[in-house]
N, C-alpha and C. Protein backbone atom coordinates (compact mmCIF):
# COMPACT_ATOMS: atom_id res chain seq x y z
N MET A 1 0.90 -1.05 -0.15
CA MET A 1 -0.42 -0.17 0.00
C MET A 1 0.96 0.97 0.16
N ASN A 2 0.39 2.36 -0.37
CA ASN A 2 1.11 3.60 -0.57
C ASN A 2 1.24 3.99 1.46
N ARG A 3 2.03 4.52 1.46
CA ARG A 3 2.82 4.99 2.80
C ARG A 3 2.45 6.45 2.63
N GLU A 4 2.91 7.18 1.24
CA GLU A 4 2.73 8.13 1.23
C GLU A 4 1.81 9.17 2.04
N ALA A 5 1.72 10.30 2.08
CA ALA A 5 0.72 11.24 2.08
C ALA A 5 -0.22 11.64 0.81
N ILE A 6 -1.79 11.37 1.03
CA ILE A 6 -2.66 11.76 -0.17
C ILE A 6 -3.52 12.25 0.06
N LEU A 7 -4.26 12.77 -1.26
CA LEU A 7 -5.44 13.65 -1.18
C LEU A 7 -6.38 13.21 -2.30
N GLU A 8 -8.10 13.40 -1.65
CA GLU A 8 -8.80 12.31 -2.43
C GLU A 8 -9.38 13.72 -2.69
N ILE A 9 -9.87 13.86 -3.87
CA ILE A 9 -10.39 14.96 -4.61
C ILE A 9 -11.70 14.64 -4.58
N LEU A 10 -13.10 14.71 -4.23
CA LEU A 10 -14.35 14.43 -4.96
C LEU A 10 -14.87 15.75 -5.98
N LEU A 11 -15.86 15.39 -6.82
CA LEU A 11 -15.80 16.44 -8.19
C LEU A 11 -17.90 15.84 -7.99
N TYR A 12 -18.49 16.43 -7.50
CA TYR A 12 -19.71 16.27 -7.51
C TYR A 12 -20.27 17.76 -8.42
N LYS A 13 -21.76 16.79 -9.41
CA LYS A 13 -22.45 17.28 -10.35
C LYS A 13 -23.36 17.65 -9.57
N LEU A 14 -24.45 18.52 -8.67
CA LEU A 14 -25.12 18.12 -8.21
C LEU A 14 -26.71 18.33 -9.19
N GLU A 15 -28.05 18.10 -8.41
CA GLU A 15 -29.07 18.18 -9.26
C GLU A 15 -29.46 19.32 -9.20
N GLU A 16 -29.80 20.16 -10.49
CA GLU A 16 -30.13 21.59 -11.17
C GLU A 16 -30.52 22.18 -10.11
N GLY A 17 -30.41 23.41 -9.48
CA GLY A 17 -31.26 24.25 -8.53
C GLY A 17 -30.64 23.78 -7.08
N THR A 18 -29.83 22.64 -6.77
CA THR A 18 -29.41 22.66 -5.55
C THR A 18 -28.50 22.58 -4.58
N GLY A 19 -27.50 23.08 -5.44
CA GLY A 19 -26.22 23.98 -4.72
C GLY A 19 -26.07 24.19 -3.70
N THR A 20 -26.81 25.61 -3.52
CA THR A 20 -26.68 26.25 -2.01
C THR A 20 -27.62 25.57 -0.93
N GLU A 21 -28.53 24.31 -1.16
CA GLU A 21 -28.61 24.07 -0.34
C GLU A 21 -27.68 23.19 0.20
N PHE A 22 -27.25 21.74 -0.50
CA PHE A 22 -25.86 21.50 -0.62
C PHE A 22 -24.86 22.06 0.40
N HIS A 23 -24.62 22.48 0.08
CA HIS A 23 -23.35 23.40 0.72
C HIS A 23 -23.41 24.13 1.90
N LYS A 24 -25.50 24.46 2.60
CA LYS A 24 -25.35 24.54 3.74
C LYS A 24 -25.19 23.61 4.27
N ILE A 25 -26.07 22.26 3.97
CA ILE A 25 -25.86 20.58 4.57
C ILE A 25 -24.16 20.90 4.56
N MET A 26 -23.20 20.97 3.74
CA MET A 26 -22.04 20.18 4.29
C MET A 26 -21.42 21.29 5.46
N VAL A 27 -21.82 22.17 5.64
CA VAL A 27 -21.04 23.76 6.15
C VAL A 27 -21.69 23.23 7.48
N GLU A 28 -23.43 23.18 7.64
CA GLU A 28 -23.65 22.79 8.88
C GLU A 28 -24.33 21.54 9.50
N GLN A 29 -23.67 20.56 8.72
CA GLN A 29 -23.76 19.33 9.29
C GLN A 29 -22.28 18.33 8.74
N SER A 30 -22.53 17.60 7.73
CA SER A 30 -21.26 17.04 7.19
C SER A 30 -19.22 17.76 7.57
N ILE A 31 -19.36 18.85 7.66
CA ILE A 31 -18.31 19.24 7.75
C ILE A 31 -17.97 18.92 9.19
N PRO A 32 -18.82 19.36 9.92
CA PRO A 32 -18.71 19.33 11.54
C PRO A 32 -18.40 17.87 12.32
N LEU A 33 -19.10 17.19 11.38
CA LEU A 33 -18.95 15.37 11.40
C LEU A 33 -17.38 14.53 10.95
N HIS A 34 -17.08 15.35 9.68
CA HIS A 34 -15.98 15.51 9.32
C HIS A 34 -15.18 15.28 10.50
N GLU A 35 -14.99 16.40 11.01
CA GLU A 35 -13.51 16.84 12.29
C GLU A 35 -13.55 16.42 13.43
N LYS A 36 -15.22 16.28 13.72
CA LYS A 36 -15.73 15.17 14.78
C LYS A 36 -14.97 14.40 15.07
N GLU A 37 -14.74 13.11 13.85
CA GLU A 37 -14.31 12.14 13.41
C GLU A 37 -12.53 11.86 13.25
N LYS A 38 -12.23 13.25 13.41
CA LYS A 38 -10.64 13.70 12.65
C LYS A 38 -10.23 13.64 11.71
N MET A 39 -10.90 13.63 9.84
CA MET A 39 -11.18 13.44 8.80
C MET A 39 -11.04 14.72 8.50
N LYS A 40 -9.47 14.91 7.80
CA LYS A 40 -8.70 16.20 7.39
C LYS A 40 -9.46 17.06 6.40
N VAL A 41 -10.13 17.95 6.67
CA VAL A 41 -11.03 18.31 5.05
C VAL A 41 -9.97 20.16 4.37
N ILE A 42 -9.15 19.77 3.45
CA ILE A 42 -8.42 20.87 2.93
C ILE A 42 -10.01 22.06 2.59
N SER A 43 -10.48 21.91 1.89
CA SER A 43 -11.34 22.54 0.91
C SER A 43 -12.48 21.92 0.91
N TYR A 44 -13.21 22.69 0.64
CA TYR A 44 -14.74 22.48 0.03
C TYR A 44 -15.37 23.52 -0.51
N GLY A 45 -16.81 23.39 -1.39
CA GLY A 45 -17.33 24.08 -1.99
C GLY A 45 -17.70 24.50 -3.31
N GLN A 46 -18.60 25.05 -3.46
CA GLN A 46 -19.56 25.69 -4.68
C GLN A 46 -18.76 25.87 -5.73
N SER A 47 -18.33 25.35 -7.15
CA SER A 47 -17.59 25.57 -7.59
C SER A 47 -17.60 27.35 -8.28
N LEU A 48 -16.77 28.00 -9.22
CA LEU A 48 -16.95 29.69 -9.10
C LEU A 48 -17.98 29.37 -10.70
N HIS A 49 -17.51 28.65 -11.10
CA HIS A 49 -18.24 28.40 -12.64
C HIS A 49 -19.41 27.90 -12.50
N ASN A 50 -19.83 27.52 -11.51
CA ASN A 50 -21.68 26.73 -11.45
C ASN A 50 -21.97 26.58 -10.02
N PRO A 51 -22.68 27.39 -9.59
CA PRO A 51 -23.41 26.59 -8.14
C PRO A 51 -23.50 25.62 -7.73
N ASP A 52 -24.25 24.34 -8.95
CA ASP A 52 -24.34 22.89 -9.18
C ASP A 52 -23.39 22.14 -9.37
N SER A 53 -21.83 22.31 -9.57
CA SER A 53 -21.28 21.84 -9.30
C SER A 53 -19.79 21.79 -7.55
N TYR A 54 -20.02 21.31 -7.40
CA TYR A 54 -18.80 21.01 -6.11
C TYR A 54 -17.67 20.23 -5.89
N TYR A 55 -17.20 20.64 -5.23
CA TYR A 55 -15.80 19.31 -4.73
C TYR A 55 -15.68 19.46 -3.31
N LEU A 56 -15.12 18.66 -2.61
CA LEU A 56 -14.60 18.15 -1.36
C LEU A 56 -13.16 17.72 -1.42
N ILE A 57 -12.20 18.08 -1.00
CA ILE A 57 -10.91 17.24 -0.93
C ILE A 57 -10.19 17.57 0.46
N ARG A 58 -9.93 16.08 1.15
CA ARG A 58 -9.66 15.44 1.71
C ARG A 58 -8.19 14.37 2.19
N GLU A 59 -7.66 14.75 2.91
CA GLU A 59 -6.41 14.16 2.91
C GLU A 59 -6.16 13.47 4.19
N TYR A 60 -5.19 12.23 3.73
CA TYR A 60 -5.05 10.88 4.51
C TYR A 60 -3.82 10.61 4.99
N GLU A 61 -3.24 10.18 5.65
CA GLU A 61 -1.51 9.55 5.79
C GLU A 61 -1.16 8.69 4.42
N ASN A 62 -2.25 7.76 4.48
CA ASN A 62 -1.40 6.74 3.22
C ASN A 62 -3.04 6.37 2.95
N SER A 63 -2.92 5.13 1.98
CA SER A 63 -3.91 4.78 1.56
C SER A 63 -4.37 4.09 2.56
N GLU A 64 -4.47 2.76 2.97
CA GLU A 64 -4.67 1.99 4.42
C GLU A 64 -5.34 3.48 5.19
N HIS A 65 -5.07 4.12 5.50
CA HIS A 65 -5.20 5.74 6.60
C HIS A 65 -7.35 5.87 5.83
N LEU A 66 -7.36 6.39 4.23
CA LEU A 66 -8.19 6.91 3.53
C LEU A 66 -9.27 5.48 3.98
N GLU A 67 -8.65 4.31 3.41
CA GLU A 67 -9.90 3.22 3.78
C GLU A 67 -10.33 3.15 4.54
N ASN A 68 -9.39 3.13 5.96
CA ASN A 68 -10.05 2.93 7.80
C ASN A 68 -11.16 4.21 7.83
N SER A 69 -10.53 5.33 7.65
CA SER A 69 -11.85 6.46 7.96
C SER A 69 -12.77 6.72 7.19
N GLN A 70 -12.85 6.03 5.81
CA GLN A 70 -13.57 5.95 5.87
C GLN A 70 -15.22 5.10 5.75
N ARG A 71 -14.51 3.92 6.47
CA ARG A 71 -14.93 2.51 6.63
C ARG A 71 -15.84 3.00 7.62
N GLU A 72 -15.13 4.08 8.52
CA GLU A 72 -15.48 3.84 9.79
C GLU A 72 -17.29 5.68 9.69
N PHE A 73 -16.06 6.51 9.02
CA PHE A 73 -16.89 7.28 8.69
C PHE A 73 -18.69 7.00 8.37
N TYR A 74 -18.07 6.47 7.13
CA TYR A 74 -19.93 6.17 6.26
C TYR A 74 -20.67 5.22 7.03
N SER A 75 -20.26 4.32 8.11
CA SER A 75 -20.37 3.21 8.43
C SER A 75 -21.35 3.80 10.36
N ASN A 76 -20.83 5.10 9.68
CA ASN A 76 -20.49 6.13 11.97
C ASN A 76 -22.68 6.33 11.82
N SER A 77 -23.53 5.64 12.39
CA SER A 77 -24.95 6.09 13.05
C SER A 77 -25.29 8.03 12.87
N GLU A 78 -23.66 8.47 13.45
CA GLU A 78 -24.55 10.45 13.14
C GLU A 78 -24.16 10.53 11.03
N TRP A 79 -23.74 9.67 10.18
CA TRP A 79 -23.56 9.92 9.05
C TRP A 79 -24.84 9.59 8.27
N LEU A 80 -25.17 8.56 9.23
CA LEU A 80 -26.00 7.28 8.72
C LEU A 80 -27.74 8.25 8.58
N ASN A 81 -27.87 8.49 10.00
CA ASN A 81 -29.22 8.86 10.33
C ASN A 81 -29.26 10.22 10.41
N GLY A 82 -27.50 10.90 9.62
CA GLY A 82 -27.67 12.50 9.74
C GLY A 82 -27.88 12.73 8.39
N PRO A 83 -26.88 13.93 7.66
CA PRO A 83 -26.80 14.29 6.03
C PRO A 83 -26.89 12.88 5.23
N ARG A 84 -26.40 11.96 5.38
CA ARG A 84 -26.45 10.93 4.14
C ARG A 84 -27.46 11.43 3.04
N ASP A 85 -28.77 10.70 3.54
CA ASP A 85 -30.05 11.33 2.94
C ASP A 85 -29.53 12.67 1.96
N GLN A 86 -29.91 13.27 2.96
CA GLN A 86 -29.64 14.55 2.78
C GLN A 86 -28.60 15.27 1.13
N ILE A 87 -27.94 14.14 1.86
CA ILE A 87 -26.52 14.55 0.13
C ILE A 87 -27.27 13.66 -0.45
N ILE A 88 -27.18 12.93 -0.81
CA ILE A 88 -26.99 12.15 -1.56
C ILE A 88 -28.04 11.82 -2.66
N SER A 89 -28.85 12.66 -1.84
CA SER A 89 -29.91 13.00 -2.92
C SER A 89 -30.04 14.18 -4.13
N LYS A 90 -28.90 14.44 -3.72
CA LYS A 90 -28.50 15.88 -4.38
C LYS A 90 -27.38 15.74 -5.29
N ILE A 91 -26.48 14.76 -5.29
CA ILE A 91 -25.80 14.37 -6.16
C ILE A 91 -26.03 13.48 -7.62
N LYS A 92 -26.25 14.61 -8.20
CA LYS A 92 -26.45 13.75 -10.00
C LYS A 92 -25.12 12.52 -10.43
N THR A 93 -23.92 12.99 -10.15
CA THR A 93 -22.93 12.08 -10.31
C THR A 93 -21.39 13.06 -9.33
N SER A 94 -20.51 12.10 -9.58
CA SER A 94 -19.68 11.92 -8.41
C SER A 94 -18.21 11.53 -9.42
N THR A 95 -16.79 11.89 -9.12
CA THR A 95 -15.82 12.00 -9.72
C THR A 95 -14.81 11.86 -8.35
N LYS A 96 -14.04 10.82 -8.42
CA LYS A 96 -13.28 10.69 -7.28
C LYS A 96 -11.95 10.91 -8.18
N SER A 97 -10.72 11.72 -7.51
CA SER A 97 -9.07 11.13 -8.16
C SER A 97 -8.37 10.96 -6.34
N ILE A 98 -7.40 10.36 -6.54
CA ILE A 98 -6.47 10.29 -5.43
C ILE A 98 -5.33 11.13 -6.26
N ILE A 99 -4.76 11.88 -5.25
CA ILE A 99 -3.27 12.11 -5.42
C ILE A 99 -2.33 12.06 -4.57
N PRO A 100 -1.18 11.86 -5.19
CA PRO A 100 0.09 12.40 -3.52
C PRO A 100 0.33 13.64 -3.27
N LYS A 101 -0.04 13.70 -2.15
CA LYS A 101 -0.13 15.14 -1.81
C LYS A 101 1.01 15.92 -2.30
N THR A 102 2.15 15.00 -2.84
CA THR A 102 3.69 15.68 -2.82
C THR A 102 3.21 16.73 -4.33
N SER A 103 2.29 16.30 -5.07
CA SER A 103 2.40 16.64 -6.74
C SER A 103 1.57 18.06 -6.06
N LEU A 104 0.91 18.16 -5.44
CA LEU A 104 0.61 20.20 -5.15
C LEU A 104 1.75 21.03 -4.83
N GLU A 105 2.77 20.54 -4.30
CA GLU A 105 4.06 20.82 -3.03
C GLU A 105 4.70 22.50 -4.44
N ASN A 106 4.31 21.91 -5.27
CA ASN A 106 5.34 23.05 -5.96
C ASN A 106 4.28 24.40 -6.63
N LEU A 107 3.12 24.21 -6.42
CA LEU A 107 1.69 25.44 -6.69
C LEU A 107 2.28 26.39 -6.22
């Protein structure tokens, strides 16, 4: 497994007209849950070109940390009984990329 720090970049195309509500749910519910579970969120928000395009960037120590953190987070009752359904219902498509953190060091 990769032992290098990694970034997970999630890009969401949201259902038309849901971007503002999606962002509110992220700010008020999802991000606080991430913080409670010690998941490092680097950045998130609506795209400048379209409010119904959204991004979420998270950092992990390595691939194993990503897998373990996400397994715990997404099986947590606070997620399952909290914002999960509201968030998923607004996502039309999702794209994920995992990159080494070092690939952004020279930016």
